[in-house]
Amino acid sequence: MVELVIIINILLALILLHLAGRLWRIRLSLAKAANALVAAERSTHTVLAQAPNFIYVGQRNISNLRLRNQVLELQIQQLRQVLSLLLLISQIWQRYFRLYFRK
C-alpha cells in the first residue's frame, strides 16, 4: 500500500514538474513578446511625438501656397486681360490699315 502511494506521488511530481517546465517556457515567450511590444511602443512614440509639429508645419506651408496661388491666379487673369486688349488693338489696327490702304 505504501508503495502505491509512493508511486502515485512520484507520478504526480513528474507531471507537475513537466507542467512547471512548460509554464516556464511560456513565461519566457511572453517576456520576449512583452519586450518586443515595449520596443515597438518606444519606436512609434519617438516617431509620433514629432507628428503634431510636422502637421502644423505642413498646414502652414499649405496656407502659404494657397495665398501664393491666389496671387498667381490674379496675375494670370491680368495677363489674359492684357493679351485680350492687345488682340483687340491688333484687330482694330489691321482693319484701320485695310481701310486706309484700300483708298
Protein backbone atom coordinates (compact mmCIF):
# COMPACT_ATOMS: atom_id res chain seq x y z
CA MET A 1 0.00 0.00 0.00
CA VAL A 2 2.79 2.39 0.89
CA GLU A 3 4.48 1.52 -2.36
CA LEU A 4 1.36 2.51 -4.31
CA VAL A 5 1.20 5.90 -2.58
CA ILE A 6 4.89 6.49 -3.29
CA ILE A 7 4.43 5.59 -6.97
CA ILE A 8 1.39 7.92 -7.27
CA ASN A 9 3.35 10.72 -5.56
CA ILE A 10 6.27 10.22 -7.92
CA LEU A 11 3.94 10.27 -10.95
CA LEU A 12 2.24 13.42 -9.69
CA ALA A 13 5.62 15.02 -9.06
CA LEU A 14 6.78 14.19 -12.60
CA ILE A 15 3.56 15.52 -14.15
CA LEU A 16 3.79 18.73 -12.11
CA LEU A 17 7.48 19.07 -12.96
CA HIS A 18 6.62 18.74 -16.65
CA LEU A 19 3.84 21.37 -16.29
CA ALA A 20 6.23 23.68 -14.45
CA GLY A 21 8.75 23.39 -17.31
CA ARG A 22 6.06 24.19 -19.88
CA LEU A 23 4.88 27.18 -17.80
CA TRP A 24 8.49 28.38 -17.57
CA ARG A 25 8.86 28.26 -21.36
CA ILE A 26 5.53 30.08 -21.84
CA ARG A 27 6.68 32.73 -19.37
CA LEU A 28 9.92 33.24 -21.33
CA SER A 29 7.95 33.54 -24.59
CA LEU A 30 5.59 36.07 -23.04
CA ALA A 31 8.53 38.06 -21.67
CA LYS A 32 10.10 38.20 -25.15
CA ALA A 33 6.79 39.28 -26.67
CA ALA A 34 6.37 41.96 -24.00
CA ASN A 35 9.89 43.25 -24.63
CA ALA A 36 9.21 43.41 -28.37
CA LEU A 37 5.98 45.33 -27.76
CA VAL A 38 7.73 47.77 -25.44
CA ALA A 39 10.45 48.35 -28.05
CA ALA A 40 7.81 48.89 -30.74
CA GLU A 41 5.93 51.33 -28.49
CA ARG A 42 9.12 53.30 -27.84
CA SER A 43 9.87 53.48 -31.57
CA THR A 44 6.38 54.60 -32.50
CA HIS A 45 6.34 57.10 -29.65
CA THR A 46 9.60 58.62 -30.89
CA VAL A 47 8.22 58.93 -34.42
CA LEU A 48 4.72 60.05 -33.50
CA ALA A 49 5.88 62.56 -30.88
CA GLN A 50 7.07 64.78 -33.73
CA ALA A 51 3.87 64.31 -35.77
CA PRO A 52 2.00 67.36 -34.38
CA ASN A 53 4.90 69.64 -35.28
CA PHE A 54 5.11 68.21 -38.79
CA ILE A 55 1.35 68.56 -39.24
CA TYR A 56 1.50 72.19 -38.08
CA VAL A 57 4.35 72.98 -40.46
CA GLY A 58 2.51 71.24 -43.30
CA GLN A 59 -0.66 73.23 -42.63
CA ARG A 60 1.31 76.47 -42.56
CA ASN A 61 3.03 75.60 -45.85
CA ILE A 62 -0.30 74.74 -47.47
CA SER A 63 -1.73 78.06 -46.29
CA ASN A 64 1.25 79.91 -47.76
CA LEU A 65 0.88 78.02 -51.05
CA ARG A 66 -2.82 78.90 -51.23
CA LEU A 67 -2.03 82.57 -50.72
CA ARG A 68 0.67 82.43 -53.39
CA ASN A 69 -1.71 80.60 -55.71
CA GLN A 70 -4.28 83.38 -55.29
CA VAL A 71 -1.69 85.97 -56.24
CA LEU A 72 -0.63 83.94 -59.28
CA GLU A 73 -4.23 83.47 -60.38
CA LEU A 74 -4.74 87.24 -60.19
CA GLN A 75 -1.61 87.79 -62.26
CA ILE A 76 -2.80 85.23 -64.83
CA GLN A 77 -6.15 86.99 -65.05
CA GLN A 78 -4.42 90.35 -65.56
CA LEU A 79 -2.15 88.83 -68.22
CA ARG A 80 -5.18 87.42 -70.05
CA GLN A 81 -6.81 90.83 -69.96
CA VAL A 82 -3.68 92.45 -71.35
CA LEU A 83 -3.43 89.82 -74.10
CA SER A 84 -7.11 90.28 -74.95
CA LEU A 85 -6.57 94.02 -75.14
CA LEU A 86 -3.52 93.55 -77.39
CA LEU A 87 -5.51 91.22 -79.63
CA LEU A 88 -8.31 93.77 -79.86
CA ILE A 89 -5.83 96.54 -80.67
CA SER A 90 -4.24 94.31 -83.31
CA GLN A 91 -7.60 93.61 -84.93
CA ILE A 92 -8.54 97.28 -84.91
CA TRP A 93 -5.13 98.18 -86.30
CA GLN A 94 -5.48 95.66 -89.15
CA ARG A 95 -8.94 96.96 -90.03
CA TYR A 96 -7.72 100.53 -89.98
CA PHE A 97 -4.82 99.79 -92.32
CA ARG A 98 -7.05 97.80 -94.67
CA LEU A 99 -9.44 100.69 -94.92
CA TYR A 100 -6.62 103.20 -95.21
CA PHE A 101 -4.68 101.33 -97.92
CA ARG A 102 -7.75 100.45 -99.98
CA LYS A 103 -8.37 104.05 -100.75
